């Protein structure tokens, strides 16, 4: 028999809720929120029903070769982070919250902000992940993290070369971390040059070139699919990656999600924007402070505090 926790009078007030995107799968992921809460169990059930995949088994047993595939990974990460958010609400009351999600994490953030119901969340992330998997299989793309470099400096490197295919900045994660994306041969060559020039590089374990022009064929298809879903105006503020600003119109949400397939994740600007609005406390829907860890590299990093799911549950 399952033992489920009871709600308490604890409050998370004036926090920014962060939701991870693709890139951190692990066999066994989500164990903290399987069989522990009626609210989180509904999330697992809905994810499996909509996708036609046993998401509990996928997260618990993998195999890793499956979890690293985009169409499975985005579904798994979304399920776990939203199950954590629902379990969290068994333990605390959430007041005056702001939401943001990194790349695919934006879909979970839209759910938490009230723009998606649970079924719409999983229909939309399955559509996105399937399209991106298809684009990856029909193109030769790669992504590399570049460390100790800012966006303007990396852009100068890109502008100074002639490319065989698209090479773009996929993620502006912090003042000292960027992500390159695009044609695999060109991205590898630029990463090698940056390494020779003293910058750290790390190839990401993804099978496509997200947030680059290699995703262009999927953009209109995602737009048409999202237009047919019952998306609502958010009930709580959500900052979106494309604009690094809060969005409250359904049409703008659909436009942003579609255009974002080929455009930069403006995460640094997003974090700076919420800080300017007076938010300095962050809670990450994860067992580790991955996005929160990047905040240490911001100019105002010492004025920010970061917690994650286990700190509250």
C-alpha atoms as a PDB file:
ATOM      1  CA  UNK A   1       0.000   0.000   0.000  1.00  0.00           C
ATOM      2  CA  UNK A   2       1.325   3.456  -0.933  1.00  0.00           C
ATOM      3  CA  UNK A   3       1.756   6.081   1.775  1.00  0.00           C
ATOM      4  CA  UNK A   4       1.127   9.585   0.515  1.00  0.00           C
ATOM      5  CA  UNK A   5       2.307  12.777   2.205  1.00  0.00           C
ATOM      6  CA  UNK A   6       0.000  15.397   3.660  1.00  0.00           C
ATOM      7  CA  UNK A   7       0.053  19.111   2.877  1.00  0.00           C
ATOM      8  CA  UNK A   8       1.602  21.541   5.337  1.00  0.00           C
ATOM      9  CA  UNK A   9       1.531  25.240   6.120  1.00  0.00           C
ATOM     10  CA  UNK A  10       4.956  25.943   4.668  1.00  0.00           C
ATOM     11  CA  UNK A  11       5.075  28.631   1.984  1.00  0.00           C
ATOM     12  CA  UNK A  12       7.369  29.297  -0.969  1.00  0.00           C
ATOM     13  CA  UNK A  13       6.865  32.979  -1.631  1.00  0.00           C
ATOM     14  CA  UNK A  14       8.441  35.289  -4.236  1.00  0.00           C
ATOM     15  CA  UNK A  15      10.459  32.531  -5.919  1.00  0.00           C
ATOM     16  CA  UNK A  16      11.303  31.857  -9.543  1.00  0.00           C
ATOM     17  CA  UNK A  17      10.529  28.241 -10.472  1.00  0.00           C
ATOM     18  CA  UNK A  18      13.006  26.773 -12.965  1.00  0.00           C
ATOM     19  CA  UNK A  19      12.391  23.741 -15.185  1.00  0.00           C
ATOM     20  CA  UNK A  20      15.172  21.857 -16.955  1.00  0.00           C
ATOM     21  CA  UNK A  21      15.202  20.973 -20.616  1.00  0.00           C
ATOM     22  CA  UNK A  22      16.957  18.203 -22.487  1.00  0.00           C
ATOM     23  CA  UNK A  23      20.447  16.935 -21.692  1.00  0.00           C
ATOM     24  CA  UNK A  24      20.430  15.302 -18.223  1.00  0.00           C
ATOM     25  CA  UNK A  25      18.684  11.896 -18.512  1.00  0.00           C
ATOM     26  CA  UNK A  26      19.588   8.984 -16.227  1.00  0.00           C
ATOM     27  CA  UNK A  27      18.255   5.495 -15.698  1.00  0.00           C
ATOM     28  CA  UNK A  28      16.267   5.605 -12.458  1.00  0.00           C
ATOM     29  CA  UNK A  29      15.286   9.265 -12.883  1.00  0.00           C
ATOM     30  CA  UNK A  30      12.139  10.345 -11.073  1.00  0.00           C
ATOM     31  CA  UNK A  31      12.331   7.763  -8.297  1.00  0.00           C
ATOM     32  CA  UNK A  32      11.633  10.521  -5.748  1.00  0.00           C
ATOM     33  CA  UNK A  33       8.185  11.146  -7.244  1.00  0.00           C
ATOM     34  CA  UNK A  34       6.967   7.668  -8.148  1.00  0.00           C
ATOM     35  CA  UNK A  35       4.386   6.221  -5.777  1.00  0.00           C
ATOM     36  CA  UNK A  36       4.598   9.034  -3.236  1.00  0.00           C
ATOM     37  CA  UNK A  37       1.729  11.413  -4.045  1.00  0.00           C
ATOM     38  CA  UNK A  38      -1.692  11.224  -5.697  1.00  0.00           C
ATOM     39  CA  UNK A  39      -0.928  14.465  -7.533  1.00  0.00           C
ATOM     40  CA  UNK A  40       2.322  13.205  -9.017  1.00  0.00           C
ATOM     41  CA  UNK A  41       0.804   9.831  -9.910  1.00  0.00           C
ATOM     42  CA  UNK A  42      -1.698  11.633 -12.134  1.00  0.00           C
ATOM     43  CA  UNK A  43       1.243  13.149 -14.020  1.00  0.00           C
ATOM     44  CA  UNK A  44       2.846   9.754 -14.705  1.00  0.00           C
ATOM     45  CA  UNK A  45      -0.493   8.323 -15.804  1.00  0.00           C
ATOM     46  CA  UNK A  46      -1.248  11.189 -18.174  1.00  0.00           C
ATOM     47  CA  UNK A  47       2.244  11.104 -19.711  1.00  0.00           C
ATOM     48  CA  UNK A  48       1.880   7.397 -20.433  1.00  0.00           C
ATOM     49  CA  UNK A  49      -1.680   7.673 -21.735  1.00  0.00           C
ATOM     50  CA  UNK A  50      -0.951  10.533 -24.132  1.00  0.00           C
ATOM     51  CA  UNK A  51       2.393   9.211 -25.407  1.00  0.00           C
ATOM     52  CA  UNK A  52       1.473   5.527 -25.558  1.00  0.00           C
ATOM     53  CA  UNK A  53       4.729   4.804 -23.690  1.00  0.00           C
ATOM     54  CA  UNK A  54       5.093   3.362 -20.193  1.00  0.00           C
ATOM     55  CA  UNK A  55       6.929   6.426 -18.886  1.00  0.00           C
ATOM     56  CA  UNK A  56       7.405   4.976 -15.407  1.00  0.00           C
ATOM     57  CA  UNK A  57       9.245   1.992 -16.889  1.00  0.00           C
ATOM     58  CA  UNK A  58      11.185   4.211 -19.305  1.00  0.00           C
ATOM     59  CA  UNK A  59      12.519   6.368 -16.463  1.00  0.00           C
ATOM     60  CA  UNK A  60      13.083   3.489 -14.070  1.00  0.00           C
ATOM     61  CA  UNK A  61      14.740   0.985 -16.400  1.00  0.00           C
ATOM     62  CA  UNK A  62      15.715   2.862 -19.558  1.00  0.00           C
ATOM     63  CA  UNK A  63      17.690   1.619 -21.354  1.00  0.00           C
ATOM     64  CA  UNK A  64      19.984   4.626 -21.581  1.00  0.00           C
ATOM     65  CA  UNK A  65      20.173   4.203 -25.356  1.00  0.00           C
ATOM     66  CA  UNK A  66      16.454   4.993 -25.413  1.00  0.00           C
ATOM     67  CA  UNK A  67      16.534   7.779 -22.834  1.00  0.00           C
ATOM     68  CA  UNK A  68      19.119   9.681 -24.868  1.00  0.00           C
ATOM     69  CA  UNK A  69      16.819   9.771 -27.894  1.00  0.00           C
ATOM     70  CA  UNK A  70      15.040  13.105 -28.130  1.00  0.00           C
ATOM     71  CA  UNK A  71      11.514  11.751 -28.493  1.00  0.00           C
ATOM     72  CA  UNK A  72      11.892   9.796 -25.247  1.00  0.00           C
ATOM     73  CA  UNK A  73      14.151  12.175 -23.327  1.00  0.00           C
ATOM     74  CA  UNK A  74      11.962  15.265 -23.591  1.00  0.00           C
ATOM     75  CA  UNK A  75       8.941  13.245 -22.486  1.00  0.00           C
ATOM     76  CA  UNK A  76      10.842  11.744 -19.536  1.00  0.00           C
ATOM     77  CA  UNK A  77      12.351  15.017 -18.317  1.00  0.00           C
ATOM     78  CA  UNK A  78       9.021  16.819 -18.602  1.00  0.00           C
ATOM     79  CA  UNK A  79       7.213  14.087 -16.687  1.00  0.00           C
ATOM     80  CA  UNK A  80       9.715  14.048 -13.839  1.00  0.00           C
ATOM     81  CA  UNK A  81       9.897  17.825 -13.399  1.00  0.00           C
ATOM     82  CA  UNK A  82       6.111  18.236 -13.457  1.00  0.00           C
ATOM     83  CA  UNK A  83       5.648  15.303 -11.067  1.00  0.00           C
ATOM     84  CA  UNK A  84       8.067  17.086  -8.735  1.00  0.00           C
ATOM     85  CA  UNK A  85       6.095  20.307  -9.039  1.00  0.00           C
ATOM     86  CA  UNK A  86       2.869  18.498  -8.194  1.00  0.00           C
ATOM     87  CA  UNK A  87       4.450  16.639  -5.271  1.00  0.00           C
ATOM     88  CA  UNK A  88       5.880  19.922  -4.003  1.00  0.00           C
ATOM     89  CA  UNK A  89       2.362  21.310  -3.752  1.00  0.00           C
ATOM     90  CA  UNK A  90       1.540  18.529  -1.272  1.00  0.00           C
ATOM     91  CA  UNK A  91       4.218  19.988   1.010  1.00  0.00           C
ATOM     92  CA  UNK A  92       4.091  23.750   0.516  1.00  0.00           C
ATOM     93  CA  UNK A  93       1.880  26.608  -0.597  1.00  0.00           C
ATOM     94  CA  UNK A  94       3.206  28.605  -3.545  1.00  0.00           C
ATOM     95  CA  UNK A  95       2.624  32.352  -3.558  1.00  0.00           C
ATOM     96  CA  UNK A  96       3.679  35.131  -5.944  1.00  0.00           C
ATOM     97  CA  UNK A  97       5.687  32.769  -8.124  1.00  0.00           C
ATOM     98  CA  UNK A  98       7.331  33.388 -11.485  1.00  0.00           C
ATOM     99  CA  UNK A  99       8.108  30.570 -13.930  1.00  0.00           C
ATOM    100  CA  UNK A 100      10.765  29.882 -16.554  1.00  0.00           C
ATOM    101  CA  UNK A 101      11.897  26.752 -18.375  1.00  0.00           C
ATOM    102  CA  UNK A 102      15.094  26.129 -20.302  1.00  0.00           C
ATOM    103  CA  UNK A 103      14.332  25.042 -23.888  1.00  0.00           C
ATOM    104  CA  UNK A 104      12.060  21.968 -23.610  1.00  0.00           C
ATOM    105  CA  UNK A 105      11.588  22.905 -19.955  1.00  0.00           C
ATOM    106  CA  UNK A 106       9.493  25.824 -21.136  1.00  0.00           C
ATOM    107  CA  UNK A 107       6.601  23.419 -21.702  1.00  0.00           C
ATOM    108  CA  UNK A 108       6.641  22.290 -18.069  1.00  0.00           C
ATOM    109  CA  UNK A 109       6.879  25.936 -16.992  1.00  0.00           C
ATOM    110  CA  UNK A 110       3.814  26.793 -19.098  1.00  0.00           C
ATOM    111  CA  UNK A 111       1.911  24.033 -17.336  1.00  0.00           C
ATOM    112  CA  UNK A 112       2.991  25.300 -13.913  1.00  0.00           C
ATOM    113  CA  UNK A 113       1.986  28.841 -14.902  1.00  0.00           C
ATOM    114  CA  UNK A 114      -1.486  27.638 -15.926  1.00  0.00           C
ATOM    115  CA  UNK A 115      -1.245  28.026 -19.715  1.00  0.00           C
ATOM    116  CA  UNK A 116      -1.454  24.257 -20.320  1.00  0.00           C
ATOM    117  CA  UNK A 117      -3.592  21.638 -18.660  1.00  0.00           C
ATOM    118  CA  UNK A 118      -1.883  18.284 -18.151  1.00  0.00           C
ATOM    119  CA  UNK A 119      -3.181  16.704 -21.350  1.00  0.00           C
ATOM    120  CA  UNK A 120      -2.151  19.725 -23.440  1.00  0.00           C
ATOM    121  CA  UNK A 121       1.295  19.646 -21.858  1.00  0.00           C
ATOM    122  CA  UNK A 122       1.955  16.077 -22.909  1.00  0.00           C
ATOM    123  CA  UNK A 123       0.356  16.408 -26.334  1.00  0.00           C
ATOM    124  CA  UNK A 124       2.560  19.416 -27.065  1.00  0.00           C
ATOM    125  CA  UNK A 125       5.834  17.948 -25.765  1.00  0.00           C
ATOM    126  CA  UNK A 126       5.241  14.676 -27.656  1.00  0.00           C
ATOM    127  CA  UNK A 127       4.672  16.648 -30.864  1.00  0.00           C
ATOM    128  CA  UNK A 128       7.786  18.764 -30.298  1.00  0.00           C
ATOM    129  CA  UNK A 129      10.019  15.842 -29.371  1.00  0.00           C
ATOM    130  CA  UNK A 130       8.833  13.735 -32.318  1.00  0.00           C
ATOM    131  CA  UNK A 131       9.448  16.553 -34.796  1.00  0.00           C
ATOM    132  CA  UNK A 132      12.899  17.256 -33.388  1.00  0.00           C
ATOM    133  CA  UNK A 133      13.811  13.577 -33.508  1.00  0.00           C
ATOM    134  CA  UNK A 134      12.764  13.531 -37.172  1.00  0.00           C
ATOM    135  CA  UNK A 135      14.842  16.624 -37.939  1.00  0.00           C
ATOM    136  CA  UNK A 136      17.862  15.079 -36.213  1.00  0.00           C
ATOM    137  CA  UNK A 137      17.555  11.885 -38.237  1.00  0.00           C
ATOM    138  CA  UNK A 138      17.364  13.848 -41.491  1.00  0.00           C
ATOM    139  CA  UNK A 139      20.309  16.180 -40.866  1.00  0.00           C
ATOM    140  CA  UNK A 140      23.842  16.017 -39.510  1.00  0.00           C
ATOM    141  CA  UNK A 141      23.979  18.317 -36.516  1.00  0.00           C
ATOM    142  CA  UNK A 142      25.916  18.662 -33.266  1.00  0.00           C
ATOM    143  CA  UNK A 143      25.994  20.830 -30.161  1.00  0.00           C
ATOM    144  CA  UNK A 144      28.936  21.861 -27.952  1.00  0.00           C
ATOM    145  CA  UNK A 145      29.064  23.709 -24.648  1.00  0.00           C
ATOM    146  CA  UNK A 146      31.700  26.457 -24.768  1.00  0.00           C
ATOM    147  CA  UNK A 147      32.980  27.548 -21.359  1.00  0.00           C
ATOM    148  CA  UNK A 148      34.494  30.833 -20.146  1.00  0.00           C
ATOM    149  CA  UNK A 149      33.114  32.806 -23.089  1.00  0.00           C
ATOM    150  CA  UNK A 150      30.331  35.366 -23.468  1.00  0.00           C
ATOM    151  CA  UNK A 151      27.810  35.615 -26.279  1.00  0.00           C
ATOM    152  CA  UNK A 152      29.378  38.566 -28.079  1.00  0.00           C
ATOM    153  CA  UNK A 153      32.833  36.961 -28.177  1.00  0.00           C
ATOM    154  CA  UNK A 154      31.488  33.665 -29.496  1.00  0.00           C
ATOM    155  CA  UNK A 155      29.427  35.487 -32.110  1.00  0.00           C
ATOM    156  CA  UNK A 156      32.596  37.186 -33.376  1.00  0.00           C
ATOM    157  CA  UNK A 157      34.176  33.760 -33.882  1.00  0.00           C
ATOM    158  CA  UNK A 158      31.114  32.644 -35.843  1.00  0.00           C
ATOM    159  CA  UNK A 159      31.012  35.816 -37.951  1.00  0.00           C
ATOM    160  CA  UNK A 160      34.698  35.456 -38.813  1.00  0.00           C
ATOM    161  CA  UNK A 161      34.271  32.137 -40.645  1.00  0.00           C
ATOM    162  CA  UNK A 162      32.622  30.754 -43.771  1.00  0.00           C
ATOM    163  CA  UNK A 163      30.403  27.773 -43.091  1.00  0.00           C
ATOM    164  CA  UNK A 164      29.119  24.829 -45.106  1.00  0.00           C
ATOM    165  CA  UNK A 165      25.890  24.841 -43.081  1.00  0.00           C
ATOM    166  CA  UNK A 166      24.309  26.736 -40.191  1.00  0.00           C
ATOM    167  CA  UNK A 167      26.397  27.478 -37.116  1.00  0.00           C
ATOM    168  CA  UNK A 168      24.597  29.384 -34.388  1.00  0.00           C
ATOM    169  CA  UNK A 169      24.542  30.126 -30.684  1.00  0.00           C
ATOM    170  CA  UNK A 170      21.845  27.790 -29.364  1.00  0.00           C
ATOM    171  CA  UNK A 171      22.003  28.795 -25.698  1.00  0.00           C
ATOM    172  CA  UNK A 172      23.219  31.944 -24.000  1.00  0.00           C
ATOM    173  CA  UNK A 173      23.282  30.274 -20.598  1.00  0.00           C
ATOM    174  CA  UNK A 174      25.366  32.706 -18.559  1.00  0.00           C
ATOM    175  CA  UNK A 175      28.023  35.404 -18.953  1.00  0.00           C
ATOM    176  CA  UNK A 176      30.567  32.583 -19.199  1.00  0.00           C
ATOM    177  CA  UNK A 177      28.764  29.697 -20.899  1.00  0.00           C
ATOM    178  CA  UNK A 178      27.408  29.397 -24.422  1.00  0.00           C
ATOM    179  CA  UNK A 179      26.235  26.473 -26.561  1.00  0.00           C
ATOM    180  CA  UNK A 180      27.091  26.086 -30.246  1.00  0.00           C
ATOM    181  CA  UNK A 181      24.701  24.322 -32.596  1.00  0.00           C
ATOM    182  CA  UNK A 182      24.566  23.535 -36.288  1.00  0.00           C
ATOM    183  CA  UNK A 183      26.240  21.566 -39.051  1.00  0.00           C
ATOM    184  CA  UNK A 184      28.298  18.875 -37.306  1.00  0.00           C
ATOM    185  CA  UNK A 185      31.565  19.265 -39.241  1.00  0.00           C
ATOM    186  CA  UNK A 186      31.601  23.043 -38.883  1.00  0.00           C
ATOM    187  CA  UNK A 187      30.615  23.006 -35.208  1.00  0.00           C
ATOM    188  CA  UNK A 188      33.326  20.448 -34.420  1.00  0.00           C
ATOM    189  CA  UNK A 189      35.902  22.545 -36.266  1.00  0.00           C
ATOM    190  CA  UNK A 190      34.954  25.723 -34.424  1.00  0.00           C
ATOM    191  CA  UNK A 191      34.935  23.913 -31.074  1.00  0.00           C
ATOM    192  CA  UNK A 192      38.449  22.653 -31.813  1.00  0.00           C
ATOM    193  CA  UNK A 193      39.608  26.180 -32.637  1.00  0.00           C
ATOM    194  CA  UNK A 194      38.048  27.548 -29.452  1.00  0.00           C
ATOM    195  CA  UNK A 195      39.777  24.817 -27.448  1.00  0.00           C
ATOM    196  CA  UNK A 196      43.116  25.772 -29.006  1.00  0.00           C
ATOM    197  CA  UNK A 197      42.410  29.357 -27.978  1.00  0.00           C
ATOM    198  CA  UNK A 198      41.975  28.297 -24.343  1.00  0.00           C
ATOM    199  CA  UNK A 199      38.217  27.881 -24.010  1.00  0.00           C
ATOM    200  CA  UNK A 200      36.716  24.743 -22.505  1.00  0.00           C
ATOM    201  CA  UNK A 201      34.495  22.661 -24.782  1.00  0.00           C
ATOM    202  CA  UNK A 202      32.133  19.756 -24.182  1.00  0.00           C
ATOM    203  CA  UNK A 203      30.104  17.869 -26.776  1.00  0.00           C
ATOM    204  CA  UNK A 204      26.501  17.517 -25.656  1.00  0.00           C
ATOM    205  CA  UNK A 205      24.931  14.023 -25.719  1.00  0.00           C
ATOM    206  CA  UNK A 206      22.072  15.019 -28.028  1.00  0.00           C
ATOM    207  CA  UNK A 207      21.322  13.698 -31.488  1.00  0.00           C
ATOM    208  CA  UNK A 208      20.496  16.946 -33.260  1.00  0.00           C
ATOM    209  CA  UNK A 209      21.282  20.630 -33.631  1.00  0.00           C
ATOM    210  CA  UNK A 210      18.598  22.297 -31.548  1.00  0.00           C
ATOM    211  CA  UNK A 211      17.900  26.017 -31.860  1.00  0.00           C
ATOM    212  CA  UNK A 212      19.521  26.199 -35.280  1.00  0.00           C
ATOM    213  CA  UNK A 213      18.339  26.529 -38.875  1.00  0.00           C
ATOM    214  CA  UNK A 214      18.559  22.749 -39.212  1.00  0.00           C
ATOM    215  CA  UNK A 215      15.205  22.772 -37.386  1.00  0.00           C
ATOM    216  CA  UNK A 216      13.483  25.080 -39.915  1.00  0.00           C
ATOM    217  CA  UNK A 217      11.385  22.346 -41.595  1.00  0.00           C
ATOM    218  CA  UNK A 218       9.720  21.557 -38.249  1.00  0.00           C
ATOM    219  CA  UNK A 219       8.781  25.121 -37.346  1.00  0.00           C
ATOM    220  CA  UNK A 220       5.563  25.477 -39.369  1.00  0.00           C
ATOM    221  CA  UNK A 221       4.469  21.953 -38.463  1.00  0.00           C
ATOM    222  CA  UNK A 222       4.864  22.669 -34.761  1.00  0.00           C
ATOM    223  CA  UNK A 223       2.997  25.953 -35.172  1.00  0.00           C
ATOM    224  CA  UNK A 224       0.016  24.270 -36.838  1.00  0.00           C
ATOM    225  CA  UNK A 225      -0.086  21.526 -34.196  1.00  0.00           C
ATOM    226  CA  UNK A 226       0.071  23.972 -31.286  1.00  0.00           C
ATOM    227  CA  UNK A 227      -2.659  26.149 -32.803  1.00  0.00           C
ATOM    228  CA  UNK A 228      -5.037  23.211 -32.474  1.00  0.00           C
ATOM    229  CA  UNK A 229      -4.458  22.708 -28.747  1.00  0.00           C
ATOM    230  CA  UNK A 230      -6.489  24.379 -25.956  1.00  0.00           C
ATOM    231  CA  UNK A 231      -3.762  26.724 -24.719  1.00  0.00           C
ATOM    232  CA  UNK A 232      -4.870  29.402 -22.257  1.00  0.00           C
ATOM    233  CA  UNK A 233      -3.508  32.736 -21.095  1.00  0.00           C
ATOM    234  CA  UNK A 234      -1.138  32.021 -18.167  1.00  0.00           C
ATOM    235  CA  UNK A 235      -2.527  32.463 -14.677  1.00  0.00           C
ATOM    236  CA  UNK A 236       0.925  33.347 -13.312  1.00  0.00           C
ATOM    237  CA  UNK A 237       3.899  35.138 -14.884  1.00  0.00           C
ATOM    238  CA  UNK A 238       6.085  33.101 -17.223  1.00  0.00           C
ATOM    239  CA  UNK A 239       9.231  34.382 -18.898  1.00  0.00           C
ATOM    240  CA  UNK A 240       9.788  32.763 -22.293  1.00  0.00           C
ATOM    241  CA  UNK A 241      13.123  31.908 -23.913  1.00  0.00           C
ATOM    242  CA  UNK A 242      12.555  33.656 -27.228  1.00  0.00           C
ATOM    243  CA  UNK A 243      11.915  37.105 -25.769  1.00  0.00           C
ATOM    244  CA  UNK A 244      13.423  36.871 -22.257  1.00  0.00           C
ATOM    245  CA  UNK A 245      10.218  38.587 -21.131  1.00  0.00           C
ATOM    246  CA  UNK A 246       6.849  37.638 -19.639  1.00  0.00           C
ATOM    247  CA  UNK A 247       4.176  36.546 -22.122  1.00  0.00           C
ATOM    248  CA  UNK A 248       0.444  36.570 -21.450  1.00  0.00           C
ATOM    249  CA  UNK A 249      -1.207  36.095 -24.870  1.00  0.00           C
ATOM    250  CA  UNK A 250      -1.996  32.682 -26.341  1.00  0.00           C
ATOM    251  CA  UNK A 251      -0.985  33.710 -29.855  1.00  0.00           C
ATOM    252  CA  UNK A 252       2.396  34.903 -28.623  1.00  0.00           C
ATOM    253  CA  UNK A 253       2.968  31.662 -26.734  1.00  0.00           C
ATOM    254  CA  UNK A 254       2.339  29.639 -29.907  1.00  0.00           C
ATOM    255  CA  UNK A 255       4.592  31.925 -31.960  1.00  0.00           C
ATOM    256  CA  UNK A 256       7.373  31.787 -29.384  1.00  0.00           C
ATOM    257  CA  UNK A 257       7.324  28.017 -29.020  1.00  0.00           C
ATOM    258  CA  UNK A 258       7.419  27.532 -32.787  1.00  0.00           C
ATOM    259  CA  UNK A 259      10.075  30.130 -33.583  1.00  0.00           C
ATOM    260  CA  UNK A 260      12.177  28.924 -30.683  1.00  0.00           C
ATOM    261  CA  UNK A 261      13.090  25.742 -32.556  1.00  0.00           C
ATOM    262  CA  UNK A 262      15.562  27.796 -34.594  1.00  0.00           C
ATOM    263  CA  UNK A 263      16.400  30.657 -32.215  1.00  0.00           C
ATOM    264  CA  UNK A 264      18.708  31.160 -29.237  1.00  0.00           C
ATOM    265  CA  UNK A 265      17.686  30.262 -25.684  1.00  0.00           C
ATOM    266  CA  UNK A 266      18.089  33.685 -24.071  1.00  0.00           C
ATOM    267  CA  UNK A 267      18.533  32.259 -20.599  1.00  0.00           C
ATOM    268  CA  UNK A 268      21.071  34.810 -19.331  1.00  0.00           C
ATOM    269  CA  UNK A 269      18.775  37.689 -20.296  1.00  0.00           C
ATOM    270  CA  UNK A 270      15.811  35.901 -18.718  1.00  0.00           C
ATOM    271  CA  UNK A 271      17.576  35.479 -15.383  1.00  0.00           C
ATOM    272  CA  UNK A 272      18.727  39.093 -15.459  1.00  0.00           C
ATOM    273  CA  UNK A 273      15.164  40.215 -16.237  1.00  0.00           C
ATOM    274  CA  UNK A 274      13.549  38.388 -13.307  1.00  0.00           C
ATOM    275  CA  UNK A 275      16.266  39.706 -11.016  1.00  0.00           C
ATOM    276  CA  UNK A 276      15.508  43.277 -12.144  1.00  0.00           C
ATOM    277  CA  UNK A 277      11.874  42.614 -11.212  1.00  0.00           C
ATOM    278  CA  UNK A 278      12.966  41.950  -7.645  1.00  0.00           C
ATOM    279  CA  UNK A 279      13.275  38.155  -7.644  1.00  0.00           C
ATOM    280  CA  UNK A 280      16.455  36.753  -6.151  1.00  0.00           C
ATOM    281  CA  UNK A 281      15.300  33.350  -4.864  1.00  0.00           C
ATOM    282  CA  UNK A 282      15.075  30.382  -7.233  1.00  0.00           C
ATOM    283  CA  UNK A 283      13.791  26.835  -6.847  1.00  0.00           C
ATOM    284  CA  UNK A 284      14.729  24.254  -9.458  1.00  0.00           C
ATOM    285  CA  UNK A 285      12.439  21.319 -10.193  1.00  0.00           C
ATOM    286  CA  UNK A 286      15.281  18.846 -10.144  1.00  0.00           C
ATOM    287  CA  UNK A 287      17.356  16.821  -7.694  1.00  0.00           C
ATOM    288  CA  UNK A 288      20.401  18.929  -8.606  1.00  0.00           C
ATOM    289  CA  UNK A 289      21.020  22.641  -9.055  1.00  0.00           C
ATOM    290  CA  UNK A 290      22.014  22.495 -12.713  1.00  0.00           C
ATOM    291  CA  UNK A 291      20.505  25.768 -13.908  1.00  0.00           C
ATOM    292  CA  UNK A 292      20.895  27.241 -10.464  1.00  0.00           C
ATOM    293  CA  UNK A 293      24.593  26.468 -10.601  1.00  0.00           C
ATOM    294  CA  UNK A 294      24.950  28.705 -13.637  1.00  0.00           C
ATOM    295  CA  UNK A 295      23.674  31.673 -11.621  1.00  0.00           C
ATOM    296  CA  UNK A 296      26.954  31.721  -9.688  1.00  0.00           C
ATOM    297  CA  UNK A 297      28.584  33.134 -12.834  1.00  0.00           C
ATOM    298  CA  UNK A 298      26.266  36.136 -13.036  1.00  0.00           C
ATOM    299  CA  UNK A 299      27.384  39.563 -11.781  1.00  0.00           C
ATOM    300  CA  UNK A 300      24.595  39.460  -9.167  1.00  0.00           C
ATOM    301  CA  UNK A 301      25.120  35.771  -8.436  1.00  0.00           C
ATOM    302  CA  UNK A 302      26.145  36.341  -4.820  1.00  0.00           C
ATOM    303  CA  UNK A 303      22.774  38.008  -4.231  1.00  0.00           C
ATOM    304  CA  UNK A 304      20.798  34.999  -5.489  1.00  0.00           C
ATOM    305  CA  UNK A 305      19.821  31.894  -3.548  1.00  0.00           C
ATOM    306  CA  UNK A 306      18.942  28.580  -5.178  1.00  0.00           C
ATOM    307  CA  UNK A 307      17.148  25.543  -3.813  1.00  0.00           C
ATOM    308  CA  UNK A 308      15.898  22.413  -5.543  1.00  0.00           C
ATOM    309  CA  UNK A 309      13.173  19.817  -5.093  1.00  0.00           C
ATOM    310  CA  UNK A 310      14.823  17.765  -2.261  1.00  0.00           C
ATOM    311  CA  UNK A 311      15.293  20.920  -0.179  1.00  0.00           C
ATOM    312  CA  UNK A 312      11.506  21.209   0.153  1.00  0.00           C
ATOM    313  CA  UNK A 313      10.259  17.600   0.025  1.00  0.00           C
END
